Amino acid sequence: RRDGFRTRAQTVVDNVSLNIDHGETLGLVGESGSGKTTL
């Protein structure tokens, strides 16, 4: 991400671990910009 004359790293998803079992529904919830869609 450009920050003035510098380029910085913007972390969108940060060290996430989870599992989804066969036949279940895992609900992923959070506000816009929380990283859900990127994950």
PDB file of all heavy atoms in Angstrom:
ATOM      1  N   ARG A   1       0.851  -1.196   0.000  1.00  0.00           N
ATOM      2  CA  ARG A   1       0.000   0.000   0.000  1.00  0.00           C
ATOM      3  C   ARG A   1       0.879   1.237   0.000  1.00  0.00           C
ATOM      4  O   ARG A   1       1.817   1.343   0.798  1.00  0.00           O
ATOM      5  CB  ARG A   1      -0.906  -0.002   1.237  1.00  0.00           C
ATOM      6  CG  ARG A   1      -1.836   1.201   1.335  1.00  0.00           C
ATOM      7  CD  ARG A   1      -2.773   1.060   2.520  1.00  0.00           C
ATOM      8  NE  ARG A   1      -2.069   1.040   3.786  1.00  0.00           N
ATOM      9  CZ  ARG A   1      -1.733   2.134   4.486  1.00  0.00           C
ATOM     10  NH1 ARG A   1      -2.046   3.337   4.020  1.00  0.00           N
ATOM     11  NH2 ARG A   1      -1.088   2.018   5.630  1.00  0.00           N
ATOM     12  N   ARG A   2       0.563   2.148  -0.913  1.00  0.00           N
ATOM     13  CA  ARG A   2       1.324   3.388  -0.994  1.00  0.00           C
ATOM     14  C   ARG A   2       0.966   4.300   0.167  1.00  0.00           C
ATOM     15  O   ARG A   2      -0.193   4.525   0.487  1.00  0.00           O
ATOM     16  CB  ARG A   2       1.033   4.105  -2.309  1.00  0.00           C
ATOM     17  CG  ARG A   2       1.531   3.391  -3.547  1.00  0.00           C
ATOM     18  CD  ARG A   2       3.046   3.423  -3.671  1.00  0.00           C
ATOM     19  NE  ARG A   2       3.577   4.776  -3.801  1.00  0.00           N
ATOM     20  CZ  ARG A   2       4.871   5.056  -3.830  1.00  0.00           C
ATOM     21  NH1 ARG A   2       5.771   4.093  -3.703  1.00  0.00           N
ATOM     22  NH2 ARG A   2       5.272   6.298  -3.969  1.00  0.00           N
ATOM     23  N   ASP A   3       1.998   4.798   0.850  1.00  0.00           N
ATOM     24  CA  ASP A   3       1.819   5.741   1.955  1.00  0.00           C
ATOM     25  C   ASP A   3       2.771   6.902   1.697  1.00  0.00           C
ATOM     26  O   ASP A   3       3.916   6.894   2.131  1.00  0.00           O
ATOM     27  CB  ASP A   3       2.113   5.041   3.284  1.00  0.00           C
ATOM     28  CG  ASP A   3       1.853   5.958   4.476  1.00  0.00           C
ATOM     29  OD1 ASP A   3       1.321   7.071   4.268  1.00  0.00           O
ATOM     30  OD2 ASP A   3       2.207   5.572   5.602  1.00  0.00           O
ATOM     31  N   GLY A   4       2.266   7.893   0.930  1.00  0.00           N
ATOM     32  CA  GLY A   4       3.135   8.986   0.517  1.00  0.00           C
ATOM     33  C   GLY A   4       4.162   8.471  -0.483  1.00  0.00           C
ATOM     34  O   GLY A   4       3.819   7.913  -1.523  1.00  0.00           O
ATOM     35  N   PHE A   5       5.442   8.622  -0.131  1.00  0.00           N
ATOM     36  CA  PHE A   5       6.513   8.149  -1.013  1.00  0.00           C
ATOM     37  C   PHE A   5       6.942   6.728  -0.677  1.00  0.00           C
ATOM     38  O   PHE A   5       7.822   6.168  -1.320  1.00  0.00           O
ATOM     39  CB  PHE A   5       7.729   9.097  -0.921  1.00  0.00           C
ATOM     40  CG  PHE A   5       7.444  10.460  -1.478  1.00  0.00           C
ATOM     41  CD1 PHE A   5       7.224  11.532  -0.633  1.00  0.00           C
ATOM     42  CD2 PHE A   5       7.386  10.671  -2.847  1.00  0.00           C
ATOM     43  CE1 PHE A   5       6.959  12.791  -1.141  1.00  0.00           C
ATOM     44  CE2 PHE A   5       7.125  11.926  -3.366  1.00  0.00           C
ATOM     45  CZ  PHE A   5       6.904  12.989  -2.516  1.00  0.00           C
ATOM     46  N   ARG A   6       6.330   6.136   0.344  1.00  0.00           N
ATOM     47  CA  ARG A   6       6.727   4.804   0.781  1.00  0.00           C
ATOM     48  C   ARG A   6       5.661   3.777   0.421  1.00  0.00           C
ATOM     49  O   ARG A   6       4.490   4.097   0.251  1.00  0.00           O
ATOM     50  CB  ARG A   6       6.954   4.782   2.300  1.00  0.00           C
ATOM     51  CG  ARG A   6       8.090   5.677   2.780  1.00  0.00           C
ATOM     52  CD  ARG A   6       8.237   5.563   4.283  1.00  0.00           C
ATOM     53  NE  ARG A   6       9.326   6.381   4.782  1.00  0.00           N
ATOM     54  CZ  ARG A   6       9.669   6.457   6.072  1.00  0.00           C
ATOM     55  NH1 ARG A   6       8.973   5.763   6.967  1.00  0.00           N
ATOM     56  NH2 ARG A   6      10.685   7.223   6.450  1.00  0.00           N
ATOM     57  N   THR A   7       6.114   2.544   0.320  1.00  0.00           N
ATOM     58  CA  THR A   7       5.186   1.425   0.148  1.00  0.00           C
ATOM     59  C   THR A   7       5.225   0.582   1.406  1.00  0.00           C
ATOM     60  O   THR A   7       6.297   0.108   1.816  1.00  0.00           O
ATOM     61  CB  THR A   7       5.577   0.555  -1.068  1.00  0.00           C
ATOM     62  OG1 THR A   7       5.532   1.365  -2.239  1.00  0.00           O
ATOM     63  CG2 THR A   7       4.604  -0.606  -1.228  1.00  0.00           C
ATOM     64  N   ARG A   8       4.082   0.430   2.024  1.00  0.00           N
ATOM     65  CA  ARG A   8       3.983  -0.356   3.259  1.00  0.00           C
ATOM     66  C   ARG A   8       3.142  -1.602   3.013  1.00  0.00           C
ATOM     67  O   ARG A   8       2.337  -1.646   2.090  1.00  0.00           O
ATOM     68  CB  ARG A   8       3.362   0.474   4.384  1.00  0.00           C
ATOM     69  CG  ARG A   8       4.133   1.743   4.731  1.00  0.00           C
ATOM     70  CD  ARG A   8       3.437   2.496   5.856  1.00  0.00           C
ATOM     71  NE  ARG A   8       4.090   3.746   6.158  1.00  0.00           N
ATOM     72  CZ  ARG A   8       5.111   3.873   7.011  1.00  0.00           C
ATOM     73  NH1 ARG A   8       5.580   2.787   7.626  1.00  0.00           N
ATOM     74  NH2 ARG A   8       5.658   5.051   7.236  1.00  0.00           N
ATOM     75  N   ALA A   9       3.336  -2.589   3.858  1.00  0.00           N
ATOM     76  CA  ALA A   9       2.550  -3.817   3.776  1.00  0.00           C
ATOM     77  C   ALA A   9       1.274  -3.661   4.599  1.00  0.00           C
ATOM     78  O   ALA A   9       1.337  -3.290   5.773  1.00  0.00           O
ATOM     79  CB  ALA A   9       3.356  -5.006   4.288  1.00  0.00           C
ATOM     80  N   GLN A  10       0.139  -3.896   3.959  1.00  0.00           N
ATOM     81  CA  GLN A  10      -1.137  -3.857   4.660  1.00  0.00           C
ATOM     82  C   GLN A  10      -1.631  -5.294   4.852  1.00  0.00           C
ATOM     83  O   GLN A  10      -1.839  -6.023   3.882  1.00  0.00           O
ATOM     84  CB  GLN A  10      -2.173  -3.057   3.875  1.00  0.00           C
ATOM     85  CG  GLN A  10      -3.543  -3.011   4.552  1.00  0.00           C
ATOM     86  CD  GLN A  10      -4.548  -2.205   3.761  1.00  0.00           C
ATOM     87  OE1 GLN A  10      -4.293  -1.829   2.622  1.00  0.00           O
ATOM     88  NE2 GLN A  10      -5.705  -1.949   4.350  1.00  0.00           N
ATOM     89  N   THR A  11      -1.809  -5.700   6.091  1.00  0.00           N
ATOM     90  CA  THR A  11      -2.259  -7.053   6.399  1.00  0.00           C
ATOM     91  C   THR A  11      -3.781  -7.090   6.402  1.00  0.00           C
ATOM     92  O   THR A  11      -4.425  -6.383   7.184  1.00  0.00           O
ATOM     93  CB  THR A  11      -1.715  -7.522   7.759  1.00  0.00           C
ATOM     94  OG1 THR A  11      -0.282  -7.495   7.712  1.00  0.00           O
ATOM     95  CG2 THR A  11      -2.185  -8.930   8.070  1.00  0.00           C
ATOM     96  N   VAL A  12      -4.344  -7.902   5.518  1.00  0.00           N
ATOM     97  CA  VAL A  12      -5.797  -8.012   5.389  1.00  0.00           C
ATOM     98  C   VAL A  12      -6.325  -9.218   6.163  1.00  0.00           C
ATOM     99  O   VAL A  12      -7.406  -9.170   6.754  1.00  0.00           O
ATOM    100  CB  VAL A  12      -6.188  -8.108   3.896  1.00  0.00           C
ATOM    101  CG1 VAL A  12      -7.694  -8.194   3.730  1.00  0.00           C
ATOM    102  CG2 VAL A  12      -5.653  -6.911   3.128  1.00  0.00           C
ATOM    103  N   VAL A  13      -5.567 -10.303   6.128  1.00  0.00           N
ATOM    104  CA  VAL A  13      -5.871 -11.491   6.931  1.00  0.00           C
ATOM    105  C   VAL A  13      -4.615 -11.810   7.732  1.00  0.00           C
ATOM    106  O   VAL A  13      -3.517 -11.900   7.170  1.00  0.00           O
ATOM    107  CB  VAL A  13      -6.273 -12.689   6.049  1.00  0.00           C
ATOM    108  CG1 VAL A  13      -6.448 -13.951   6.888  1.00  0.00           C
ATOM    109  CG2 VAL A  13      -7.551 -12.369   5.284  1.00  0.00           C
ATOM    110  N   ASP A  14      -4.778 -11.994   9.036  1.00  0.00           N
ATOM    111  CA  ASP A  14      -3.630 -12.065   9.932  1.00  0.00           C
ATOM    112  C   ASP A  14      -3.633 -13.359  10.747  1.00  0.00           C
ATOM    113  O   ASP A  14      -4.351 -13.485  11.741  1.00  0.00           O
ATOM    114  CB  ASP A  14      -3.652 -10.850  10.865  1.00  0.00           C
ATOM    115  CG  ASP A  14      -2.389 -10.723  11.710  1.00  0.00           C
ATOM    116  OD1 ASP A  14      -1.468 -11.537  11.530  1.00  0.00           O
ATOM    117  OD2 ASP A  14      -2.336  -9.801  12.545  1.00  0.00           O
ATOM    118  N   ASN A  15      -2.854 -14.355  10.276  1.00  0.00           N
ATOM    119  CA  ASN A  15      -2.589 -15.575  11.045  1.00  0.00           C
ATOM    120  C   ASN A  15      -3.882 -16.292  11.469  1.00  0.00           C
ATOM    121  O   ASN A  15      -4.086 -16.616  12.636  1.00  0.00           O
ATOM    122  CB  ASN A  15      -1.741 -15.242  12.280  1.00  0.00           C
ATOM    123  CG  ASN A  15      -1.112 -16.475  12.898  1.00  0.00           C
ATOM    124  OD1 ASN A  15      -0.713 -17.400  12.191  1.00  0.00           O
ATOM    125  ND2 ASN A  15      -1.044 -16.499  14.215  1.00  0.00           N
ATOM    126  N   VAL A  16      -4.734 -16.573  10.500  1.00  0.00           N
ATOM    127  CA  VAL A  16      -6.028 -17.208  10.775  1.00  0.00           C
ATOM    128  C   VAL A  16      -5.916 -18.723  10.613  1.00  0.00           C
ATOM    129  O   VAL A  16      -5.381 -19.218   9.620  1.00  0.00           O
ATOM    130  CB  VAL A  16      -7.120 -16.665   9.825  1.00  0.00           C
ATOM    131  CG1 VAL A  16      -8.392 -17.507   9.915  1.00  0.00           C
ATOM    132  CG2 VAL A  16      -7.422 -15.210  10.163  1.00  0.00           C
ATOM    133  N   SER A  17      -6.425 -19.442  11.599  1.00  0.00           N
ATOM    134  CA  SER A  17      -6.517 -20.900  11.543  1.00  0.00           C
ATOM    135  C   SER A  17      -7.946 -21.316  11.874  1.00  0.00           C
ATOM    136  O   SER A  17      -8.514 -20.839  12.860  1.00  0.00           O
ATOM    137  CB  SER A  17      -5.556 -21.554  12.543  1.00  0.00           C
ATOM    138  OG  SER A  17      -4.210 -21.291  12.221  1.00  0.00           O
ATOM    139  N   LEU A  18      -8.506 -22.177  11.037  1.00  0.00           N
ATOM    140  CA  LEU A  18      -9.843 -22.713  11.298  1.00  0.00           C
ATOM    141  C   LEU A  18     -10.048 -23.963  10.455  1.00  0.00           C
ATOM    142  O   LEU A  18      -9.270 -24.253   9.547  1.00  0.00           O
ATOM    143  CB  LEU A  18     -10.941 -21.676  11.011  1.00  0.00           C
ATOM    144  CG  LEU A  18     -10.999 -21.017   9.622  1.00  0.00           C
ATOM    145  CD1 LEU A  18     -11.694 -21.910   8.591  1.00  0.00           C
ATOM    146  CD2 LEU A  18     -11.732 -19.684   9.709  1.00  0.00           C
ATOM    147  N   ASN A  19     -11.082 -24.704  10.749  1.00  0.00           N
ATOM    148  CA  ASN A  19     -11.436 -25.884   9.953  1.00  0.00           C
ATOM    149  C   ASN A  19     -12.937 -25.914   9.723  1.00  0.00           C
ATOM    150  O   ASN A  19     -13.719 -25.327  10.489  1.00  0.00           O
ATOM    151  CB  ASN A  19     -10.984 -27.171  10.646  1.00  0.00           C
ATOM    152  CG  ASN A  19     -11.738 -27.408  11.946  1.00  0.00           C
ATOM    153  OD1 ASN A  19     -11.531 -26.699  12.937  1.00  0.00           O
ATOM    154  ND2 ASN A  19     -12.607 -28.401  11.951  1.00  0.00           N
ATOM    155  N   ILE A  20     -13.331 -26.584   8.649  1.00  0.00           N
ATOM    156  CA  ILE A  20     -14.742 -26.782   8.337  1.00  0.00           C
ATOM    157  C   ILE A  20     -14.945 -28.284   8.142  1.00  0.00           C
ATOM    158  O   ILE A  20     -14.331 -28.890   7.263  1.00  0.00           O
ATOM    159  CB  ILE A  20     -15.184 -26.019   7.072  1.00  0.00           C
ATOM    160  CG1 ILE A  20     -14.747 -24.547   7.143  1.00  0.00           C
ATOM    161  CG2 ILE A  20     -16.696 -26.119   6.887  1.00  0.00           C
ATOM    162  CD1 ILE A  20     -15.022 -23.758   5.869  1.00  0.00           C
ATOM    163  N   ASP A  21     -15.789 -28.870   8.966  1.00  0.00           N
ATOM    164  CA  ASP A  21     -16.013 -30.305   8.904  1.00  0.00           C
ATOM    165  C   ASP A  21     -17.016 -30.672   7.820  1.00  0.00           C
ATOM    166  O   ASP A  21     -17.842 -29.842   7.402  1.00  0.00           O
ATOM    167  CB  ASP A  21     -16.509 -30.822  10.258  1.00  0.00           C
ATOM    168  CG  ASP A  21     -15.435 -30.729  11.339  1.00  0.00           C
ATOM    169  OD1 ASP A  21     -14.239 -30.789  10.978  1.00  0.00           O
ATOM    170  OD2 ASP A  21     -15.790 -30.586  12.519  1.00  0.00           O
ATOM    171  N   HIS A  22     -16.969 -31.911   7.370  1.00  0.00           N
ATOM    172  CA  HIS A  22     -17.885 -32.402   6.346  1.00  0.00           C
ATOM    173  C   HIS A  22     -19.332 -32.232   6.810  1.00  0.00           C
ATOM    174  O   HIS A  22     -19.700 -32.646   7.912  1.00  0.00           O
ATOM    175  CB  HIS A  22     -17.617 -33.882   6.060  1.00  0.00           C
ATOM    176  CG  HIS A  22     -16.264 -34.150   5.487  1.00  0.00           C
ATOM    177  ND1 HIS A  22     -16.024 -34.217   4.128  1.00  0.00           N
ATOM    178  CD2 HIS A  22     -15.054 -34.346   6.081  1.00  0.00           C
ATOM    179  CE1 HIS A  22     -14.740 -34.458   3.916  1.00  0.00           C
ATOM    180  NE2 HIS A  22     -14.130 -34.548   5.079  1.00  0.00           N
ATOM    181  N   GLY A  23     -20.149 -31.598   5.965  1.00  0.00           N
ATOM    182  CA  GLY A  23     -21.575 -31.490   6.226  1.00  0.00           C
ATOM    183  C   GLY A  23     -21.998 -30.392   7.176  1.00  0.00           C
ATOM    184  O   GLY A  23     -23.189 -30.204   7.422  1.00  0.00           O
ATOM    185  N   GLU A  24     -21.074 -29.620   7.698  1.00  0.00           N
ATOM    186  CA  GLU A  24     -21.447 -28.553   8.622  1.00  0.00           C
ATOM    187  C   GLU A  24     -21.502 -27.202   7.912  1.00  0.00           C
ATOM    188  O   GLU A  24     -21.069 -27.062   6.761  1.00  0.00           O
ATOM    189  CB  GLU A  24     -20.474 -28.485   9.800  1.00  0.00           C
ATOM    190  CG  GLU A  24     -19.175 -27.745   9.524  1.00  0.00           C
ATOM    191  CD  GLU A  24     -18.469 -27.273  10.789  1.00  0.00           C
ATOM    192  OE1 GLU A  24     -19.121 -27.086  11.838  1.00  0.00           O
ATOM    193  OE2 GLU A  24     -17.238 -27.073  10.723  1.00  0.00           O
ATOM    194  N   THR A  25     -22.026 -26.220   8.608  1.00  0.00           N
ATOM    195  CA  THR A  25     -21.965 -24.832   8.156  1.00  0.00           C
ATOM    196  C   THR A  25     -21.128 -24.049   9.145  1.00  0.00           C
ATOM    197  O   THR A  25     -21.472 -23.968  10.331  1.00  0.00           O
ATOM    198  CB  THR A  25     -23.355 -24.194   8.063  1.00  0.00           C
ATOM    199  OG1 THR A  25     -24.141 -24.894   7.096  1.00  0.00           O
ATOM    200  CG2 THR A  25     -23.255 -22.732   7.647  1.00  0.00           C
ATOM    201  N   LEU A  26     -20.019 -23.494   8.661  1.00  0.00           N
ATOM    202  CA  LEU A  26     -19.248 -22.571   9.482  1.00  0.00           C
ATOM    203  C   LEU A  26     -19.668 -21.165   9.096  1.00  0.00           C
ATOM    204  O   LEU A  26     -19.541 -20.762   7.936  1.00  0.00           O
ATOM    205  CB  LEU A  26     -17.748 -22.751   9.255  1.00  0.00           C
ATOM    206  CG  LEU A  26     -16.875 -21.777  10.064  1.00  0.00           C
ATOM    207  CD1 LEU A  26     -16.960 -22.081  11.559  1.00  0.00           C
ATOM    208  CD2 LEU A  26     -15.418 -21.807   9.598  1.00  0.00           C
ATOM    209  N   GLY A  27     -20.186 -20.426  10.034  1.00  0.00           N
ATOM    210  CA  GLY A  27     -20.544 -19.039   9.810  1.00  0.00           C
ATOM    211  C   GLY A  27     -19.340 -18.148  10.070  1.00  0.00           C
ATOM    212  O   GLY A  27     -18.694 -18.252  11.118  1.00  0.00           O
ATOM    213  N   LEU A  28     -19.018 -17.289   9.114  1.00  0.00           N
ATOM    214  CA  LEU A  28     -17.904 -16.351   9.240  1.00  0.00           C
ATOM    215  C   LEU A  28     -18.497 -14.950   9.285  1.00  0.00           C
ATOM    216  O   LEU A  28     -19.098 -14.493   8.302  1.00  0.00           O
ATOM    217  CB  LEU A  28     -16.948 -16.515   8.064  1.00  0.00           C
ATOM    218  CG  LEU A  28     -15.629 -15.736   8.105  1.00  0.00           C
ATOM    219  CD1 LEU A  28     -14.796 -16.131   9.328  1.00  0.00           C
ATOM    220  CD2 LEU A  28     -14.834 -15.960   6.825  1.00  0.00           C
ATOM    221  N   VAL A  29     -18.355 -14.304  10.420  1.00  0.00           N
ATOM    222  CA  VAL A  29     -19.056 -13.045  10.627  1.00  0.00           C
ATOM    223  C   VAL A  29     -18.077 -11.949  11.027  1.00  0.00           C
ATOM    224  O   VAL A  29     -17.060 -12.202  11.667  1.00  0.00           O
ATOM    225  CB  VAL A  29     -20.171 -13.216  11.694  1.00  0.00           C
ATOM    226  CG1 VAL A  29     -19.583 -13.545  13.053  1.00  0.00           C
ATOM    227  CG2 VAL A  29     -21.079 -11.998  11.774  1.00  0.00           C
ATOM    228  N   GLY A  30     -18.410 -10.735  10.610  1.00  0.00           N
ATOM    229  CA  GLY A  30     -17.586  -9.574  10.935  1.00  0.00           C
ATOM    230  C   GLY A  30     -18.025  -8.396  10.092  1.00  0.00           C
ATOM    231  O   GLY A  30     -18.743  -8.546   9.107  1.00  0.00           O
ATOM    232  N   GLU A  31     -17.576  -7.218  10.471  1.00  0.00           N
ATOM    233  CA  GLU A  31     -17.921  -6.008   9.729  1.00  0.00           C
ATOM    234  C   GLU A  31     -17.223  -5.983   8.369  1.00  0.00           C
ATOM    235  O   GLU A  31     -16.283  -6.745   8.129  1.00  0.00           O
ATOM    236  CB  GLU A  31     -17.522  -4.772  10.538  1.00  0.00           C
ATOM    237  CG  GLU A  31     -18.266  -4.621  11.855  1.00  0.00           C
ATOM    238  CD  GLU A  31     -17.731  -3.479  12.692  1.00  0.00           C
ATOM    239  OE1 GLU A  31     -16.502  -3.399  12.866  1.00  0.00           O
ATOM    240  OE2 GLU A  31     -18.543  -2.668  13.158  1.00  0.00           O
ATOM    241  N   SER A  32     -17.675  -5.094   7.498  1.00  0.00           N
ATOM    242  CA  SER A  32     -16.997  -4.902   6.213  1.00  0.00           C
ATOM    243  C   SER A  32     -15.542  -4.521   6.463  1.00  0.00           C
ATOM    244  O   SER A  32     -15.244  -3.701   7.341  1.00  0.00           O
ATOM    245  CB  SER A  32     -17.683  -3.795   5.410  1.00  0.00           C
ATOM    246  OG  SER A  32     -19.003  -4.154   5.092  1.00  0.00           O
ATOM    247  N   GLY A  33     -14.637  -5.133   5.705  1.00  0.00           N
ATOM    248  CA  GLY A  33     -13.227  -4.856   5.874  1.00  0.00           C
ATOM    249  C   GLY A  33     -12.529  -5.718   6.909  1.00  0.00           C
ATOM    250  O   GLY A  33     -11.337  -5.531   7.177  1.00  0.00           O
ATOM    251  N   SER A  34     -13.255  -6.691   7.464  1.00  0.00           N
ATOM    252  CA  SER A  34     -12.655  -7.533   8.502  1.00  0.00           C
ATOM    253  C   SER A  34     -11.802  -8.661   7.936  1.00  0.00           C
ATOM    254  O   SER A  34     -11.111  -9.357   8.688  1.00  0.00           O
ATOM    255  CB  SER A  34     -13.744  -8.122   9.408  1.00  0.00           C
ATOM    256  OG  SER A  34     -14.640  -8.925   8.667  1.00  0.00           O
ATOM    257  N   GLY A  35     -11.851  -8.871   6.608  1.00  0.00           N
ATOM    258  CA  GLY A  35     -11.021  -9.893   5.987  1.00  0.00           C
ATOM    259  C   GLY A  35     -11.770 -11.141   5.576  1.00  0.00           C
ATOM    260  O   GLY A  35     -11.172 -12.096   5.059  1.00  0.00           O
ATOM    261  N   LYS A  36     -13.089 -11.146   5.743  1.00  0.00           N
ATOM    262  CA  LYS A  36     -13.887 -12.344   5.463  1.00  0.00           C
ATOM    263  C   LYS A  36     -13.787 -12.768   4.000  1.00  0.00           C
ATOM    264  O   LYS A  36     -13.539 -13.942   3.695  1.00  0.00           O
ATOM    265  CB  LYS A  36     -15.373 -12.096   5.816  1.00  0.00           C
ATOM    266  CG  LYS A  36     -15.641 -11.594   7.211  1.00  0.00           C
ATOM    267  CD  LYS A  36     -17.130 -11.504   7.504  1.00  0.00           C
ATOM    268  CE  LYS A  36     -17.925 -10.640   6.542  1.00  0.00           C
ATOM    269  NZ  LYS A  36     -17.528  -9.216   6.588  1.00  0.00           N
ATOM    270  N   THR A  37     -14.017 -11.827   3.101  1.00  0.00           N
ATOM    271  CA  THR A  37     -14.028 -12.166   1.673  1.00  0.00           C
ATOM    272  C   THR A  37     -12.638 -12.557   1.184  1.00  0.00           C
ATOM    273  O   THR A  37     -12.500 -13.482   0.371  1.00  0.00           O
ATOM    274  CB  THR A  37     -14.579 -10.984   0.858  1.00  0.00           C
ATOM    275  OG1 THR A  37     -15.957 -10.784   1.197  1.00  0.00           O
ATOM    276  CG2 THR A  37     -14.484 -11.261  -0.637  1.00  0.00           C
ATOM    277  N   THR A  38     -11.605 -11.901   1.663  1.00  0.00           N
ATOM    278  CA  THR A  38     -10.242 -12.271   1.266  1.00  0.00           C
ATOM    279  C   THR A  38      -9.926 -13.690   1.709  1.00  0.00           C
ATOM    280  O   THR A  38      -9.340 -14.483   0.949  1.00  0.00           O
ATOM    281  CB  THR A  38      -9.219 -11.295   1.869  1.00  0.00           C
ATOM    282  OG1 THR A  38      -9.490  -9.973   1.379  1.00  0.00           O
ATOM    283  CG2 THR A  38      -7.797 -11.683   1.488  1.00  0.00           C
ATOM    284  N   LEU A  39     -10.329 -14.050   2.913  1.00  0.00           N
ATOM    285  CA  LEU A  39     -10.124 -15.418   3.384  1.00  0.00           C
ATOM    286  C   LEU A  39     -10.879 -16.409   2.496  1.00  0.00           C
ATOM    287  O   LEU A  39     -10.331 -17.458   2.113  1.00  0.00           O
ATOM    288  CB  LEU A  39     -10.589 -15.550   4.836  1.00  0.00           C
ATOM    289  CG  LEU A  39     -10.458 -16.949   5.461  1.00  0.00           C
ATOM    290  CD1 LEU A  39      -9.007 -17.412   5.454  1.00  0.00           C
ATOM    291  CD2 LEU A  39     -11.019 -16.953   6.882  1.00  0.00           C
TER     292      LEU A  39
END
